[in-house]
Amino acid sequence: MNIQDEELVSIIIPVFNRETLVKKTIISCLKQTYRNFEIICVDDHSTDRSIDVIKEIALEDPRIQILRNTRTKGVSGARNCGIEKSKGNFIAFIDSDDQYEPHHLESIMNEFQEHPQVDWIYADFCRVKGSSLVVESVFKSNSVLDNLTTYKEGNLHIIDKKSQLLEHIKFEKAPGLHTSIVRRYIFRTLCFDESLQMFEDWKLRYDAILAGYALAFINRINHKYFIHDNNLCSSSDNKDYIKKLRQIDEIVKLHKSIHSTDYSDKGIHQALKKHISRFIFWECGYNIYKMGKPLLGIRKMFLGLSYDPASTELIRGLISVIFTIAKSSFKDRF
C-alpha cells in the first residue's frame, strides 16, 4: 500500500508576527506532492495581522488548523502546543518565514516506508537572502558527507548510532529541524525545552540521540531558509551585535540544561565544552569585535576561553586580537 494512503503527516508552524511571510510558507506546504497532511499553525500571541492572514488561507483548505496562544510562549512552547494537538504519526516542522520544496514530504516519507528502523529523517536546504541564493547547499558548505559517519541504503544516509552523539556536537549545523520529519512516538517522552529561545532544536536532537533514536538524512535540497533581520539566529545585518549577545545567553543556558541531566560521559561533556567555547569565542565574541565593539568582543572571547582554557587555538586568537587593537591604538596616538 502507498504510504500516503495510511500515514498522516502533521506540519507544525509556529507563528509570531509574520503577517508578510506566513502565507508563502503555508502555500509551500499546500503544494506538496504528498497529499495526506494537516497543517497546524500555532499563533504565539502575535500583535500584527498574522492570525487574520492564516484564517483567510484556512477558509480555502480544511487541512489547515489554527491554534492561538493566550500569551507568548516562544517557539518551543508553540511547537509543543502544535504537537499536542496533532493527529499524525509523523511530525514535520517549518518556520513561518521559510518554504518547502514541493517534493519535501514525499521524498522523506518514501524513505520511512523503506526504512522502518529509522526514527528521524532530515534533508539538505539552501539559504536565501532577498532574491539571491546565498548558500546553495548547507550540507556541502558544512561538509556533512565528510564529517558524519554513515552507511547508505538507497538514497538514505543512516547515521552510525555509536558516533552520532559526538558528531552531533561537533557538527551541529548538519541537521535542520525545518527539513526534519520525526516519528510521533519520540514525543511521548521528549519535547522542546521551553526555557530556550534559541538552540531548542539542537537540544531536542541531542535528547533524541541520547534516548537511542536513529537519525538519517537524504542528500537533496528540500527547503529554502530565508535570511532577514528578524531571524533569531541569523540576520541580513552583519552589525547586529545585540543578536550575538542573545546567542551567548542562550547557548550558556543550553550548556546548563544539558549538564543538569544524569548523562555523565566525560568525553561527550568535554566535546560539548569545546563546541560551546568556540561558538562563543569565534561566532559571537570575535564577530562582535569585527562589528566595531572591540572591548565587548574581547570580554566575550574571554568568556568563550573560560569553557576551554587550555585551547591554544583560542589563546592565539585572543592574543592576535589584543595585539591588533594595541597596534591600532599606538598608530592613532602617534
Protein backbone atom coordinates (compact mmCIF):
# COMPACT_ATOMS: atom_id res chain seq x y z
CA MET A 1 0.00 0.00 0.00
CA ASN A 2 1.20 3.52 -0.79
CA ILE A 3 2.31 5.23 2.40
CA GLN A 4 0.14 8.26 1.53
CA ASP A 5 -2.96 6.07 1.87
CA GLU A 6 -2.34 5.42 5.54
CA GLU A 7 0.14 7.84 7.12
CA LEU A 8 -0.90 11.35 8.07
CA VAL A 9 1.88 13.93 8.43
CA SER A 10 1.28 16.83 10.82
CA ILE A 11 3.13 20.00 9.79
CA ILE A 12 3.74 22.30 12.76
CA ILE A 13 4.20 26.03 12.01
CA PRO A 14 4.90 28.34 14.97
CA VAL A 15 3.91 31.89 14.07
CA PHE A 16 4.79 35.18 15.71
CA ASN A 17 4.34 38.48 13.86
CA ARG A 18 4.82 37.08 10.36
CA GLU A 19 1.91 38.72 8.53
CA THR A 20 4.00 39.40 5.40
CA LEU A 21 5.69 35.98 5.27
CA VAL A 22 3.46 33.24 6.64
CA LYS A 23 1.19 33.00 3.60
CA LYS A 24 4.06 31.91 1.35
CA THR A 25 5.10 29.35 3.96
CA ILE A 26 1.63 27.82 4.10
CA ILE A 27 1.30 27.82 0.31
CA SER A 28 4.59 25.91 0.04
CA CYS A 29 3.05 23.27 2.32
CA LEU A 30 -0.14 23.10 0.27
CA LYS A 31 1.91 22.49 -2.88
CA GLN A 32 3.36 19.24 -1.54
CA THR A 33 3.19 16.23 -3.85
CA TYR A 34 2.47 14.14 -0.74
CA ARG A 35 -1.17 14.95 -0.06
CA ASN A 36 -2.04 13.27 3.25
CA PHE A 37 -1.13 16.00 5.72
CA GLU A 38 -2.54 18.51 8.15
CA ILE A 39 -1.12 21.96 8.82
CA ILE A 40 -1.23 23.24 12.39
CA CYS A 41 -0.46 26.95 12.64
CA VAL A 42 0.22 27.98 16.21
CA ASP A 43 -0.08 31.74 16.56
CA ASP A 44 2.08 32.67 19.54
CA HIS A 45 0.03 35.70 20.56
CA SER A 46 1.07 37.83 17.56
CA THR A 47 0.46 41.56 17.71
CA ASP A 48 0.16 42.03 13.93
CA ARG A 49 -2.28 40.56 11.36
CA SER A 50 -0.71 37.10 11.25
CA ILE A 51 -3.83 35.38 12.59
CA ASP A 52 -6.04 37.12 10.01
CA VAL A 53 -3.75 36.06 7.17
CA ILE A 54 -3.84 32.45 8.36
CA LYS A 55 -7.63 32.49 8.72
CA GLU A 56 -8.03 33.71 5.14
CA ILE A 57 -5.98 30.81 3.79
CA ALA A 58 -7.65 28.29 6.13
CA LEU A 59 -11.02 29.09 4.57
CA GLU A 60 -9.74 27.58 1.33
CA ASP A 61 -8.38 24.30 2.72
CA PRO A 62 -9.79 22.27 5.64
CA ARG A 63 -6.37 20.70 6.32
CA ILE A 64 -5.25 23.97 7.92
CA GLN A 65 -5.90 24.22 11.65
CA ILE A 66 -5.30 27.27 13.82
CA LEU A 67 -4.26 27.38 17.45
CA ARG A 68 -3.79 30.67 19.27
CA ASN A 69 -1.81 31.02 22.47
CA THR A 70 -3.24 33.47 25.00
CA ARG A 71 0.30 34.51 25.88
CA THR A 72 3.62 34.35 24.05
CA LYS A 73 5.28 31.02 24.88
CA GLY A 74 8.17 31.24 22.44
CA VAL A 75 8.96 28.94 19.55
CA SER A 76 9.43 25.90 21.81
CA GLY A 77 6.11 26.39 23.57
CA ALA A 78 4.31 26.98 20.28
CA ARG A 79 5.74 23.78 18.76
CA ASN A 80 4.85 21.77 21.86
CA CYS A 81 1.26 23.04 21.64
CA GLY A 82 1.10 22.05 17.97
CA ILE A 83 2.46 18.57 18.65
CA GLU A 84 -0.08 18.05 21.44
CA LYS A 85 -2.99 18.86 19.10
CA SER A 86 -1.63 16.98 16.09
CA LYS A 87 -3.06 13.69 14.84
CA GLY A 88 -0.36 12.36 12.52
CA ASN A 89 2.06 9.53 13.27
CA PHE A 90 4.73 11.70 11.66
CA ILE A 91 5.56 15.28 12.67
CA ALA A 92 7.15 17.81 10.30
CA PHE A 93 8.35 21.30 11.17
CA ILE A 94 8.76 24.53 9.27
CA ASP A 95 9.22 28.11 10.47
CA SER A 96 6.75 30.74 9.39
CA ASP A 97 9.28 32.59 7.21
CA ASP A 98 10.64 29.62 5.22
CA GLN A 99 9.38 27.45 2.36
CA TYR A 100 9.29 23.76 1.49
CA GLU A 101 10.18 22.46 -1.95
CA PRO A 102 7.16 20.57 -3.39
CA HIS A 103 8.86 17.17 -3.04
CA HIS A 104 9.81 17.55 0.62
CA LEU A 105 7.21 15.39 2.37
CA GLU A 106 7.08 12.72 -0.32
CA SER A 107 10.85 12.26 -0.57
CA ILE A 108 11.21 11.68 3.18
CA MET A 109 8.04 9.65 3.72
CA ASN A 110 9.14 7.24 0.98
CA GLU A 111 12.32 6.65 2.98
CA PHE A 112 10.35 6.00 6.16
CA GLN A 113 8.36 3.38 4.29
CA GLU A 114 11.55 1.65 3.15
CA HIS A 115 13.40 2.02 6.48
CA PRO A 116 11.12 1.35 9.47
CA GLN A 117 14.15 1.25 11.81
CA VAL A 118 14.79 4.98 11.32
CA ASP A 119 13.08 7.46 13.66
CA TRP A 120 14.11 10.88 12.34
CA ILE A 121 14.94 11.89 8.76
CA TYR A 122 16.10 15.31 7.57
CA ALA A 123 17.28 16.78 4.27
CA ASP A 124 19.58 19.42 2.82
CA PHE A 125 18.47 23.03 2.40
CA CYS A 126 19.62 26.28 0.85
CA ARG A 127 19.86 29.77 2.31
CA VAL A 128 18.27 32.72 0.53
CA LYS A 129 18.66 36.44 1.19
CA GLY A 130 16.09 38.53 -0.63
CA SER A 131 16.04 37.08 -4.15
CA SER A 132 19.66 35.89 -4.01
CA LEU A 133 20.86 32.37 -3.29
CA VAL A 134 23.48 32.79 -0.55
CA VAL A 135 24.24 29.13 0.19
CA GLU A 136 23.29 26.62 -2.48
CA SER A 137 23.71 23.61 -0.19
CA VAL A 138 24.15 23.73 3.59
CA PHE A 139 25.29 20.10 3.53
CA LYS A 140 28.03 20.98 1.07
CA SER A 141 29.13 24.15 2.89
CA ASN A 142 29.35 22.22 6.19
CA SER A 143 30.94 19.11 4.62
CA VAL A 144 28.18 16.91 6.05
CA LEU A 145 29.02 13.89 3.91
CA ASP A 146 32.65 14.09 5.05
CA ASN A 147 32.03 14.77 8.73
CA LEU A 148 29.29 12.28 9.63
CA THR A 149 29.80 8.52 9.92
CA THR A 150 27.03 6.96 7.89
CA TYR A 151 26.13 3.92 5.84
CA LYS A 152 23.94 4.27 2.78
CA GLU A 153 20.81 2.32 1.93
CA GLY A 154 19.41 3.53 -1.37
CA ASN A 155 19.06 7.31 -1.13
CA LEU A 156 19.18 7.33 2.67
CA HIS A 157 22.32 8.06 4.68
CA ILE A 158 21.81 6.39 8.07
CA ILE A 159 23.98 7.85 10.83
CA ASP A 160 26.04 5.43 12.90
CA LYS A 161 24.46 5.19 16.35
CA LYS A 162 27.76 4.78 18.17
CA SER A 163 29.18 8.04 16.86
CA GLN A 164 26.11 10.20 16.24
CA LEU A 165 26.01 11.94 19.64
CA LEU A 166 29.63 13.08 19.45
CA GLU A 167 29.29 14.06 15.80
CA HIS A 168 26.09 15.96 16.53
CA ILE A 169 28.04 18.10 18.99
CA LYS A 170 30.99 18.63 16.66
CA PHE A 171 28.94 19.27 13.51
CA GLU A 172 25.76 20.78 14.93
CA LYS A 173 24.93 22.69 11.77
CA ALA A 174 24.29 19.50 9.82
CA PRO A 175 20.65 18.66 10.62
CA GLY A 176 17.95 21.29 10.32
CA LEU A 177 14.69 20.93 12.21
CA HIS A 178 12.89 22.72 9.38
CA THR A 179 13.77 19.85 6.99
CA SER A 180 13.02 17.12 9.54
CA ILE A 181 10.17 14.64 9.78
CA VAL A 182 10.03 12.74 13.04
CA ARG A 183 8.05 9.72 14.18
CA ARG A 184 5.40 10.80 16.64
CA TYR A 185 6.36 8.35 19.37
CA ILE A 186 9.55 10.32 20.02
CA PHE A 187 7.38 12.98 21.63
CA ARG A 188 5.91 10.55 24.15
CA THR A 189 8.97 11.19 26.30
CA LEU A 190 10.63 14.23 24.68
CA CYS A 191 9.57 17.79 23.98
CA PHE A 192 11.09 21.15 23.11
CA ASP A 193 12.81 22.85 26.04
CA GLU A 194 10.67 25.92 26.70
CA SER A 195 13.43 27.61 28.69
CA LEU A 196 15.35 28.09 25.44
CA GLN A 197 14.51 30.72 22.81
CA MET A 198 17.41 29.57 20.59
CA PHE A 199 19.12 26.18 20.11
CA GLU A 200 15.94 24.41 21.21
CA ASP A 201 16.12 22.28 18.05
CA TRP A 202 19.73 21.36 18.85
CA LYS A 203 18.68 20.32 22.35
CA LEU A 204 15.83 18.16 21.02
CA ARG A 205 18.17 16.32 18.64
CA TYR A 206 20.67 15.84 21.46
CA ASP A 207 17.95 14.37 23.69
CA ALA A 208 16.65 12.13 20.87
CA ILE A 209 20.11 10.76 20.13
CA LEU A 210 20.75 10.27 23.85
CA ALA A 211 17.49 8.29 24.06
CA GLY A 212 18.74 5.94 21.34
CA TYR A 213 16.65 7.06 18.39
CA ALA A 214 18.09 6.57 14.90
CA LEU A 215 18.70 9.62 12.66
CA ALA A 216 19.27 9.65 8.92
CA PHE A 217 19.23 12.12 6.03
CA ILE A 218 18.78 12.42 2.30
CA ASN A 219 21.22 14.46 0.25
CA ARG A 220 18.60 16.57 -1.50
CA ILE A 221 17.55 20.23 -1.26
CA ASN A 222 14.10 20.18 0.34
CA HIS A 223 13.77 23.61 1.87
CA LYS A 224 14.51 27.32 1.47
CA TYR A 225 15.76 29.11 4.58
CA PHE A 226 15.29 32.88 4.25
CA ILE A 227 17.76 35.24 5.94
CA HIS A 228 16.37 38.55 7.18
CA ASP A 229 16.67 40.91 10.13
CA ASN A 230 14.01 39.20 12.22
CA ASN A 231 15.67 35.77 12.24
CA LEU A 232 16.57 34.74 15.78
CA CYS A 233 19.91 33.17 14.86
CA SER A 234 20.87 34.90 11.61
CA SER A 235 20.48 38.34 10.16
CA SER A 236 20.93 40.25 6.94
CA ASP A 237 22.63 42.90 9.07
CA ASN A 238 26.19 41.86 9.92
CA LYS A 239 26.40 44.61 12.55
CA ASP A 240 23.66 43.19 14.77
CA TYR A 241 25.83 42.58 17.85
CA ILE A 242 22.76 42.55 20.13
CA LYS A 243 21.71 39.30 18.44
CA LYS A 244 25.17 37.86 19.16
CA LEU A 245 24.77 38.71 22.85
CA ARG A 246 21.42 36.91 22.90
CA GLN A 247 23.03 33.88 21.29
CA ILE A 248 25.63 33.78 24.05
CA ASP A 249 22.95 33.91 26.75
CA GLU A 250 21.02 31.10 25.07
CA ILE A 251 23.98 28.79 24.49
CA VAL A 252 25.04 29.22 28.12
CA LYS A 253 21.51 28.20 29.14
CA LEU A 254 21.77 25.23 26.78
CA HIS A 255 25.03 24.15 28.40
CA LYS A 256 23.50 24.38 31.89
CA SER A 257 20.42 22.47 30.74
CA ILE A 258 22.47 19.59 29.38
CA HIS A 259 24.68 19.43 32.46
CA SER A 260 21.60 19.15 34.64
CA THR A 261 20.87 15.72 33.12
CA ASP A 262 22.16 12.44 34.52
CA TYR A 263 24.28 11.69 31.46
CA SER A 264 27.88 11.68 32.65
CA ASP A 265 30.08 10.62 29.73
CA LYS A 266 33.17 12.78 30.24
CA GLY A 267 34.14 12.61 26.57
CA ILE A 268 30.76 13.96 25.50
CA HIS A 269 30.80 16.74 28.06
CA GLN A 270 34.33 17.71 27.05
CA ALA A 271 33.30 17.85 23.39
CA LEU A 272 30.29 19.97 24.38
CA LYS A 273 32.52 22.42 26.25
CA LYS A 274 34.82 22.71 23.24
CA HIS A 275 31.87 23.32 20.93
CA ILE A 276 30.35 25.99 23.17
CA SER A 277 33.71 27.67 23.80
CA ARG A 278 34.38 28.03 20.07
CA PHE A 279 30.86 29.22 19.35
CA ILE A 280 31.07 31.96 21.98
CA PHE A 281 34.66 32.85 21.05
CA TRP A 282 34.52 32.93 17.24
CA GLU A 283 30.86 33.16 16.23
CA CYS A 284 29.96 35.72 18.90
CA GLY A 285 32.97 37.37 20.56
CA TYR A 286 35.17 37.68 17.50
CA ASN A 287 32.29 38.87 15.32
CA ILE A 288 31.31 41.47 17.93
CA TYR A 289 34.91 42.71 17.81
CA LYS A 290 34.71 42.88 13.99
CA MET A 291 31.45 44.82 14.30
CA GLY A 292 33.34 47.70 15.91
CA LYS A 293 32.83 46.73 19.56
CA PRO A 294 36.40 45.68 20.46
CA LEU A 295 36.23 45.73 24.25
CA LEU A 296 32.87 43.97 24.38
CA GLY A 297 34.13 41.44 21.83
CA ILE A 298 37.26 40.70 23.87
CA ARG A 299 35.19 40.18 27.04
CA LYS A 300 33.05 37.62 25.24
CA MET A 301 36.14 35.96 23.75
CA PHE A 302 37.45 35.58 27.31
CA LEU A 303 34.09 34.01 28.23
CA GLY A 304 34.48 31.53 25.40
CA LEU A 305 38.01 30.73 26.52
CA SER A 306 36.77 30.03 30.05
CA TYR A 307 34.97 26.91 28.76
CA ASP A 308 38.18 25.52 27.28
CA PRO A 309 41.07 27.41 28.95
CA ALA A 310 43.78 25.08 27.61
CA SER A 311 42.88 25.71 23.96
CA THR A 312 45.94 27.03 22.13
CA GLU A 313 43.69 27.94 19.19
CA LEU A 314 41.61 30.32 21.32
CA ILE A 315 44.60 31.70 23.23
CA ARG A 316 46.40 32.53 19.99
CA GLY A 317 43.25 34.09 18.58
CA LEU A 318 42.80 36.27 21.65
CA ILE A 319 46.43 37.38 21.65
CA SER A 320 46.17 38.25 17.95
CA VAL A 321 43.09 40.41 18.51
CA ILE A 322 44.58 42.19 21.53
CA PHE A 323 47.79 42.83 19.59
CA THR A 324 45.85 44.23 16.63
CA ILE A 325 43.88 46.59 18.90
CA ALA A 326 47.04 47.73 20.69
CA LYS A 327 48.83 48.32 17.38
CA SER A 328 45.91 50.37 16.06
CA SER A 329 45.76 52.40 19.28
CA PHE A 330 49.51 53.11 19.08
CA LYS A 331 49.17 54.37 15.49
CA ASP A 332 46.28 56.63 16.45
CA ARG A 333 48.36 58.23 19.21
CA PHE A 334 51.37 58.92 17.08
